[in-house]
Amino acid sequence: CVGRVHSEPQPEHAPIFADLTARERDVLDGVLAGSSSKQVAFGMPVSPATVDAYRCRLYRKLNVANAVELVTLAIRSGYG
């Protein structure tokens, strides 16, 4: 996720997860489960590099900087 600029997260009540693709949701579910990129990739099945690319897309779409912020946003937003 090179070049990512951190800014304030979106309001927690926004329907921020509605625009995610099925693959992005699969990766998000894996992150929330605490799975590594390799573990997520095995279950999809895609390469770990592809999972990392989806992870970066999630960070950009949801305006977070890392997995901790992603999990926090999901919990606060009632995802899942």
PDB file of N, CA and C in Angstrom:
ATOM      1  N   CYS A   1       0.827  -1.184   0.000  1.00  0.00           N
ATOM      2  CA  CYS A   1       0.000   0.000   0.000  1.00  0.00           C
ATOM      3  C   CYS A   1       0.869   1.244   0.000  1.00  0.00           C
ATOM      4  N   VAL A   2       1.864   1.244  -0.817  1.00  0.00           N
ATOM      5  CA  VAL A   2       2.789   2.357  -0.899  1.00  0.00           C
ATOM      6  C   VAL A   2       2.071   3.607  -1.372  1.00  0.00           C
ATOM      7  N   GLY A   3       2.386   4.705  -0.762  1.00  0.00           N
ATOM      8  CA  GLY A   3       1.828   5.973  -1.162  1.00  0.00           C
ATOM      9  C   GLY A   3       0.493   6.309  -0.517  1.00  0.00           C
ATOM     10  N   ARG A   4       0.059   5.502   0.400  1.00  0.00           N
ATOM     11  CA  ARG A   4      -1.211   5.740   1.077  1.00  0.00           C
ATOM     12  C   ARG A   4      -1.079   6.936   1.994  1.00  0.00           C
ATOM     13  N   VAL A   5      -1.991   7.881   1.872  1.00  0.00           N
ATOM     14  CA  VAL A   5      -2.010   9.059   2.732  1.00  0.00           C
ATOM     15  C   VAL A   5      -3.096   8.848   3.760  1.00  0.00           C
ATOM     16  N   HIS A   6      -2.732   8.946   5.024  1.00  0.00           N
ATOM     17  CA  HIS A   6      -3.697   8.733   6.100  1.00  0.00           C
ATOM     18  C   HIS A   6      -4.505   9.997   6.321  1.00  0.00           C
ATOM     19  N   SER A   7      -5.797   9.823   6.434  1.00  0.00           N
ATOM     20  CA  SER A   7      -6.681  10.937   6.784  1.00  0.00           C
ATOM     21  C   SER A   7      -7.734  10.403   7.746  1.00  0.00           C
ATOM     22  N   GLU A   8      -8.605  11.269   8.170  1.00  0.00           N
ATOM     23  CA  GLU A   8      -9.611  10.872   9.147  1.00  0.00           C
ATOM     24  C   GLU A   8     -10.529   9.803   8.575  1.00  0.00           C
ATOM     25  N   PRO A   9     -10.876   8.778   9.371  1.00  0.00           N
ATOM     26  CA  PRO A   9     -11.808   7.768   8.889  1.00  0.00           C
ATOM     27  C   PRO A   9     -13.197   8.342   8.650  1.00  0.00           C
ATOM     28  N   GLN A  10     -13.974   7.657   7.810  1.00  0.00           N
ATOM     29  CA  GLN A  10     -15.331   8.095   7.528  1.00  0.00           C
ATOM     30  C   GLN A  10     -16.183   7.921   8.775  1.00  0.00           C
ATOM     31  N   PRO A  11     -17.300   8.657   8.845  1.00  0.00           N
ATOM     32  CA  PRO A  11     -18.190   8.459   9.992  1.00  0.00           C
ATOM     33  C   PRO A  11     -18.626   7.003  10.082  1.00  0.00           C
ATOM     34  N   GLU A  12     -18.736   6.508  11.294  1.00  0.00           N
ATOM     35  CA  GLU A  12     -19.004   5.096  11.514  1.00  0.00           C
ATOM     36  C   GLU A  12     -20.410   4.686  11.094  1.00  0.00           C
ATOM     37  N   HIS A  13     -21.315   5.634  10.948  1.00  0.00           N
ATOM     38  CA  HIS A  13     -22.677   5.295  10.574  1.00  0.00           C
ATOM     39  C   HIS A  13     -22.867   5.232   9.057  1.00  0.00           C
ATOM     40  N   ALA A  14     -21.845   5.601   8.291  1.00  0.00           N
ATOM     41  CA  ALA A  14     -21.943   5.583   6.831  1.00  0.00           C
ATOM     42  C   ALA A  14     -22.003   4.150   6.319  1.00  0.00           C
ATOM     43  N   PRO A  15     -22.733   3.925   5.217  1.00  0.00           N
ATOM     44  CA  PRO A  15     -22.826   2.576   4.645  1.00  0.00           C
ATOM     45  C   PRO A  15     -21.546   2.241   3.866  1.00  0.00           C
ATOM     46  N   ILE A  16     -20.438   2.236   4.562  1.00  0.00           N
ATOM     47  CA  ILE A  16     -19.132   2.143   3.919  1.00  0.00           C
ATOM     48  C   ILE A  16     -18.801   0.770   3.353  1.00  0.00           C
ATOM     49  N   PHE A  17     -19.485  -0.242   3.794  1.00  0.00           N
ATOM     50  CA  PHE A  17     -19.171  -1.582   3.310  1.00  0.00           C
ATOM     51  C   PHE A  17     -20.030  -1.985   2.109  1.00  0.00           C
ATOM     52  N   ALA A  18     -20.995  -1.181   1.746  1.00  0.00           N
ATOM     53  CA  ALA A  18     -21.934  -1.530   0.675  1.00  0.00           C
ATOM     54  C   ALA A  18     -21.266  -1.655  -0.690  1.00  0.00           C
ATOM     55  N   ASP A  19     -20.217  -0.913  -0.930  1.00  0.00           N
ATOM     56  CA  ASP A  19     -19.581  -0.906  -2.253  1.00  0.00           C
ATOM     57  C   ASP A  19     -18.460  -1.928  -2.399  1.00  0.00           C
ATOM     58  N   LEU A  20     -18.251  -2.762  -1.410  1.00  0.00           N
ATOM     59  CA  LEU A  20     -17.187  -3.759  -1.502  1.00  0.00           C
ATOM     60  C   LEU A  20     -17.591  -4.895  -2.437  1.00  0.00           C
ATOM     61  N   THR A  21     -16.617  -5.380  -3.199  1.00  0.00           N
ATOM     62  CA  THR A  21     -16.866  -6.533  -4.061  1.00  0.00           C
ATOM     63  C   THR A  21     -16.888  -7.795  -3.205  1.00  0.00           C
ATOM     64  N   ALA A  22     -17.322  -8.881  -3.795  1.00  0.00           N
ATOM     65  CA  ALA A  22     -17.347 -10.164  -3.076  1.00  0.00           C
ATOM     66  C   ALA A  22     -15.941 -10.566  -2.639  1.00  0.00           C
ATOM     67  N   ARG A  23     -14.960 -10.371  -3.496  1.00  0.00           N
ATOM     68  CA  ARG A  23     -13.573 -10.713  -3.145  1.00  0.00           C
ATOM     69  C   ARG A  23     -13.060  -9.827  -2.010  1.00  0.00           C
ATOM     70  N   GLU A  24     -13.380  -8.545  -2.058  1.00  0.00           N
ATOM     71  CA  GLU A  24     -12.960  -7.643  -0.985  1.00  0.00           C
ATOM     72  C   GLU A  24     -13.603  -8.064   0.331  1.00  0.00           C
ATOM     73  N   ARG A  25     -14.848  -8.489   0.289  1.00  0.00           N
ATOM     74  CA  ARG A  25     -15.508  -8.971   1.507  1.00  0.00           C
ATOM     75  C   ARG A  25     -14.842 -10.257   2.017  1.00  0.00           C
ATOM     76  N   ASP A  26     -14.446 -11.130   1.100  1.00  0.00           N
ATOM     77  CA  ASP A  26     -13.735 -12.350   1.505  1.00  0.00           C
ATOM     78  C   ASP A  26     -12.442 -12.006   2.235  1.00  0.00           C
ATOM     79  N   VAL A  27     -11.701 -11.051   1.683  1.00  0.00           N
ATOM     80  CA  VAL A  27     -10.444 -10.636   2.320  1.00  0.00           C
ATOM     81  C   VAL A  27     -10.736  -9.952   3.652  1.00  0.00           C
ATOM     82  N   LEU A  28     -11.724  -9.088   3.697  1.00  0.00           N
ATOM     83  CA  LEU A  28     -12.096  -8.431   4.948  1.00  0.00           C
ATOM     84  C   LEU A  28     -12.458  -9.472   6.004  1.00  0.00           C
ATOM     85  N   ASP A  29     -13.246 -10.466   5.621  1.00  0.00           N
ATOM     86  CA  ASP A  29     -13.609 -11.524   6.562  1.00  0.00           C
ATOM     87  C   ASP A  29     -12.374 -12.252   7.074  1.00  0.00           C
ATOM     88  N   GLY A  30     -11.411 -12.478   6.190  1.00  0.00           N
ATOM     89  CA  GLY A  30     -10.160 -13.123   6.596  1.00  0.00           C
ATOM     90  C   GLY A  30      -9.372 -12.276   7.570  1.00  0.00           C
ATOM     91  N   VAL A  31      -9.295 -10.985   7.293  1.00  0.00           N
ATOM     92  CA  VAL A  31      -8.591 -10.066   8.203  1.00  0.00           C
ATOM     93  C   VAL A  31      -9.274 -10.070   9.563  1.00  0.00           C
ATOM     94  N   LEU A  32     -10.606 -10.004   9.560  1.00  0.00           N
ATOM     95  CA  LEU A  32     -11.347  -9.993  10.818  1.00  0.00           C
ATOM     96  C   LEU A  32     -11.171 -11.295  11.593  1.00  0.00           C
ATOM     97  N   ALA A  33     -10.938 -12.383  10.889  1.00  0.00           N
ATOM     98  CA  ALA A  33     -10.717 -13.680  11.537  1.00  0.00           C
ATOM     99  C   ALA A  33      -9.282 -13.834  12.027  1.00  0.00           C
ATOM    100  N   GLY A  34      -8.432 -12.875  11.687  1.00  0.00           N
ATOM    101  CA  GLY A  34      -7.036 -12.940  12.108  1.00  0.00           C
ATOM    102  C   GLY A  34      -6.168 -13.800  11.212  1.00  0.00           C
ATOM    103  N   SER A  35      -6.644 -14.101  10.018  1.00  0.00           N
ATOM    104  CA  SER A  35      -5.903 -14.945   9.087  1.00  0.00           C
ATOM    105  C   SER A  35      -4.805 -14.163   8.380  1.00  0.00           C
ATOM    106  N   SER A  36      -3.725 -14.850   8.065  1.00  0.00           N
ATOM    107  CA  SER A  36      -2.643 -14.251   7.290  1.00  0.00           C
ATOM    108  C   SER A  36      -3.053 -14.191   5.822  1.00  0.00           C
ATOM    109  N   SER A  37      -2.315 -13.436   5.030  1.00  0.00           N
ATOM    110  CA  SER A  37      -2.589 -13.367   3.594  1.00  0.00           C
ATOM    111  C   SER A  37      -2.499 -14.747   2.964  1.00  0.00           C
ATOM    112  N   LYS A  38      -1.540 -15.543   3.411  1.00  0.00           N
ATOM    113  CA  LYS A  38      -1.369 -16.895   2.879  1.00  0.00           C
ATOM    114  C   LYS A  38      -2.591 -17.762   3.203  1.00  0.00           C
ATOM    115  N   GLN A  39      -3.110 -17.656   4.410  1.00  0.00           N
ATOM    116  CA  GLN A  39      -4.288 -18.428   4.805  1.00  0.00           C
ATOM    117  C   GLN A  39      -5.523 -17.994   4.025  1.00  0.00           C
ATOM    118  N   VAL A  40      -5.702 -16.692   3.852  1.00  0.00           N
ATOM    119  CA  VAL A  40      -6.830 -16.179   3.087  1.00  0.00           C
ATOM    120  C   VAL A  40      -6.717 -16.637   1.640  1.00  0.00           C
ATOM    121  N   ALA A  41      -5.517 -16.545   1.080  1.00  0.00           N
ATOM    122  CA  ALA A  41      -5.290 -16.937  -0.308  1.00  0.00           C
ATOM    123  C   ALA A  41      -5.634 -18.403  -0.533  1.00  0.00           C
ATOM    124  N   PHE A  42      -5.285 -19.247   0.398  1.00  0.00           N
ATOM    125  CA  PHE A  42      -5.565 -20.676   0.275  1.00  0.00           C
ATOM    126  C   PHE A  42      -7.062 -20.935   0.208  1.00  0.00           C
ATOM    127  N   GLY A  43      -7.832 -20.174   0.961  1.00  0.00           N
ATOM    128  CA  GLY A  43      -9.273 -20.368   1.002  1.00  0.00           C
ATOM    129  C   GLY A  43     -10.025 -19.775  -0.171  1.00  0.00           C
ATOM    130  N   MET A  44      -9.416 -18.872  -0.953  1.00  0.00           N
ATOM    131  CA  MET A  44     -10.184 -18.195  -2.002  1.00  0.00           C
ATOM    132  C   MET A  44     -10.280 -18.956  -3.326  1.00  0.00           C
ATOM    133  N   PRO A  45      -9.428 -19.612  -3.949  1.00  0.00           N
ATOM    134  CA  PRO A  45      -7.974 -19.625  -3.903  1.00  0.00           C
ATOM    135  C   PRO A  45      -7.365 -18.606  -4.880  1.00  0.00           C
ATOM    136  N   VAL A  46      -6.469 -17.812  -4.380  1.00  0.00           N
ATOM    137  CA  VAL A  46      -5.675 -16.853  -5.149  1.00  0.00           C
ATOM    138  C   VAL A  46      -4.296 -16.825  -4.513  1.00  0.00           C
ATOM    139  N   SER A  47      -3.399 -16.054  -5.056  1.00  0.00           N
ATOM    140  CA  SER A  47      -2.064 -15.957  -4.473  1.00  0.00           C
ATOM    141  C   SER A  47      -2.077 -14.997  -3.281  1.00  0.00           C
ATOM    142  N   PRO A  48      -1.117 -15.163  -2.369  1.00  0.00           N
ATOM    143  CA  PRO A  48      -1.006 -14.207  -1.259  1.00  0.00           C
ATOM    144  C   PRO A  48      -0.792 -12.774  -1.751  1.00  0.00           C
ATOM    145  N   ALA A  49      -0.101 -12.603  -2.870  1.00  0.00           N
ATOM    146  CA  ALA A  49       0.105 -11.257  -3.422  1.00  0.00           C
ATOM    147  C   ALA A  49      -1.226 -10.639  -3.852  1.00  0.00           C
ATOM    148  N   THR A  50      -2.122 -11.457  -4.372  1.00  0.00           N
ATOM    149  CA  THR A  50      -3.440 -10.963  -4.758  1.00  0.00           C
ATOM    150  C   THR A  50      -4.230 -10.548  -3.519  1.00  0.00           C
ATOM    151  N   VAL A  51      -4.131 -11.317  -2.463  1.00  0.00           N
ATOM    152  CA  VAL A  51      -4.787 -10.952  -1.202  1.00  0.00           C
ATOM    153  C   VAL A  51      -4.236  -9.626  -0.704  1.00  0.00           C
ATOM    154  N   ASP A  52      -2.929  -9.446  -0.774  1.00  0.00           N
ATOM    155  CA  ASP A  52      -2.328  -8.180  -0.348  1.00  0.00           C
ATOM    156  C   ASP A  52      -2.842  -7.015  -1.185  1.00  0.00           C
ATOM    157  N   ALA A  53      -3.036  -7.238  -2.487  1.00  0.00           N
ATOM    158  CA  ALA A  53      -3.580  -6.184  -3.357  1.00  0.00           C
ATOM    159  C   ALA A  53      -5.009  -5.838  -2.941  1.00  0.00           C
ATOM    160  N   TYR A  54      -5.812  -6.854  -2.648  1.00  0.00           N
ATOM    161  CA  TYR A  54      -7.179  -6.603  -2.168  1.00  0.00           C
ATOM    162  C   TYR A  54      -7.153  -5.871  -0.832  1.00  0.00           C
ATOM    163  N   ARG A  55      -6.228  -6.233   0.017  1.00  0.00           N
ATOM    164  CA  ARG A  55      -6.105  -5.573   1.315  1.00  0.00           C
ATOM    165  C   ARG A  55      -5.828  -4.077   1.136  1.00  0.00           C
ATOM    166  N   CYS A  56      -4.924  -3.758   0.215  1.00  0.00           N
ATOM    167  CA  CYS A  56      -4.613  -2.347  -0.060  1.00  0.00           C
ATOM    168  C   CYS A  56      -5.828  -1.612  -0.609  1.00  0.00           C
ATOM    169  N   ARG A  57      -6.591  -2.277  -1.469  1.00  0.00           N
ATOM    170  CA  ARG A  57      -7.823  -1.662  -1.984  1.00  0.00           C
ATOM    171  C   ARG A  57      -8.804  -1.389  -0.858  1.00  0.00           C
ATOM    172  N   LEU A  58      -8.911  -2.333   0.057  1.00  0.00           N
ATOM    173  CA  LEU A  58      -9.794  -2.130   1.212  1.00  0.00           C
ATOM    174  C   LEU A  58      -9.352  -0.925   2.020  1.00  0.00           C
ATOM    175  N   TYR A  59      -8.052  -0.820   2.271  1.00  0.00           N
ATOM    176  CA  TYR A  59      -7.539   0.315   3.044  1.00  0.00           C
ATOM    177  C   TYR A  59      -7.903   1.629   2.368  1.00  0.00           C
ATOM    178  N   ARG A  60      -7.726   1.694   1.042  1.00  0.00           N
ATOM    179  CA  ARG A  60      -8.046   2.932   0.317  1.00  0.00           C
ATOM    180  C   ARG A  60      -9.547   3.204   0.321  1.00  0.00           C
ATOM    181  N   LYS A  61     -10.342   2.194   0.005  1.00  0.00           N
ATOM    182  CA  LYS A  61     -11.795   2.384  -0.058  1.00  0.00           C
ATOM    183  C   LYS A  61     -12.381   2.795   1.279  1.00  0.00           C
ATOM    184  N   LEU A  62     -11.862   2.211   2.356  1.00  0.00           N
ATOM    185  CA  LEU A  62     -12.413   2.458   3.678  1.00  0.00           C
ATOM    186  C   LEU A  62     -11.653   3.527   4.453  1.00  0.00           C
ATOM    187  N   ASN A  63     -10.631   4.078   3.806  1.00  0.00           N
ATOM    188  CA  ASN A  63      -9.876   5.185   4.380  1.00  0.00           C
ATOM    189  C   ASN A  63      -9.235   4.830   5.727  1.00  0.00           C
ATOM    190  N   VAL A  64      -8.559   3.687   5.744  1.00  0.00           N
ATOM    191  CA  VAL A  64      -7.815   3.268   6.929  1.00  0.00           C
ATOM    192  C   VAL A  64      -6.364   3.026   6.527  1.00  0.00           C
ATOM    193  N   ALA A  65      -5.476   3.000   7.506  1.00  0.00           N
ATOM    194  CA  ALA A  65      -4.054   2.873   7.215  1.00  0.00           C
ATOM    195  C   ALA A  65      -3.510   1.466   7.388  1.00  0.00           C
ATOM    196  N   ASN A  66      -4.218   0.628   8.155  1.00  0.00           N
ATOM    197  CA  ASN A  66      -3.675  -0.704   8.436  1.00  0.00           C
ATOM    198  C   ASN A  66      -4.786  -1.640   8.906  1.00  0.00           C
ATOM    199  N   ALA A  67      -4.406  -2.885   9.169  1.00  0.00           N
ATOM    200  CA  ALA A  67      -5.387  -3.904   9.560  1.00  0.00           C
ATOM    201  C   ALA A  67      -6.051  -3.576  10.890  1.00  0.00           C
ATOM    202  N   VAL A  68      -5.332  -2.987  11.811  1.00  0.00           N
ATOM    203  CA  VAL A  68      -5.921  -2.642  13.108  1.00  0.00           C
ATOM    204  C   VAL A  68      -7.053  -1.634  12.920  1.00  0.00           C
ATOM    205  N   GLU A  69      -6.811  -0.606  12.111  1.00  0.00           N
ATOM    206  CA  GLU A  69      -7.860   0.374  11.842  1.00  0.00           C
ATOM    207  C   GLU A  69      -9.023  -0.264  11.087  1.00  0.00           C
ATOM    208  N   LEU A  70      -8.718  -1.195  10.190  1.00  0.00           N
ATOM    209  CA  LEU A  70      -9.761  -1.889   9.437  1.00  0.00           C
ATOM    210  C   LEU A  70     -10.664  -2.694  10.365  1.00  0.00           C
ATOM    211  N   VAL A  71     -10.068  -3.435  11.279  1.00  0.00           N
ATOM    212  CA  VAL A  71     -10.832  -4.236  12.229  1.00  0.00           C
ATOM    213  C   VAL A  71     -11.644  -3.328  13.152  1.00  0.00           C
ATOM    214  N   THR A  72     -11.039  -2.262  13.621  1.00  0.00           N
ATOM    215  CA  THR A  72     -11.734  -1.321  14.497  1.00  0.00           C
ATOM    216  C   THR A  72     -12.942  -0.715  13.791  1.00  0.00           C
ATOM    217  N   LEU A  73     -12.762  -0.307  12.549  1.00  0.00           N
ATOM    218  CA  LEU A  73     -13.865   0.252  11.778  1.00  0.00           C
ATOM    219  C   LEU A  73     -14.987  -0.763  11.600  1.00  0.00           C
ATOM    220  N   ALA A  74     -14.622  -1.980  11.271  1.00  0.00           N
ATOM    221  CA  ALA A  74     -15.628  -3.031  11.078  1.00  0.00           C
ATOM    222  C   ALA A  74     -16.428  -3.285  12.344  1.00  0.00           C
ATOM    223  N   ILE A  75     -15.737  -3.345  13.471  1.00  0.00           N
ATOM    224  CA  ILE A  75     -16.411  -3.588  14.756  1.00  0.00           C
ATOM    225  C   ILE A  75     -17.338  -2.435  15.092  1.00  0.00           C
ATOM    226  N   ARG A  76     -16.836  -1.216  14.977  1.00  0.00           N
ATOM    227  CA  ARG A  76     -17.638  -0.040  15.321  1.00  0.00           C
ATOM    228  C   ARG A  76     -18.819   0.149  14.394  1.00  0.00           C
ATOM    229  N   SER A  77     -18.687  -0.328  13.162  1.00  0.00           N
ATOM    230  CA  SER A  77     -19.747  -0.162  12.172  1.00  0.00           C
ATOM    231  C   SER A  77     -20.742  -1.304  12.187  1.00  0.00           C
ATOM    232  N   GLY A  78     -20.452  -2.323  12.978  1.00  0.00           N
ATOM    233  CA  GLY A  78     -21.346  -3.467  13.053  1.00  0.00           C
ATOM    234  C   GLY A  78     -21.276  -4.379  11.850  1.00  0.00           C
ATOM    235  N   TYR A  79     -20.121  -4.407  11.179  1.00  0.00           N
ATOM    236  CA  TYR A  79     -19.964  -5.281  10.025  1.00  0.00           C
ATOM    237  C   TYR A  79     -20.081  -6.737  10.439  1.00  0.00           C
ATOM    238  N   GLY A  80     -20.748  -7.500   9.594  1.00  0.00           N
ATOM    239  CA  GLY A  80     -20.804  -8.946   9.799  1.00  0.00           C
ATOM    240  C   GLY A  80     -21.879  -9.327  10.671  1.00  0.00           C
TER     241      GLY A  80
END
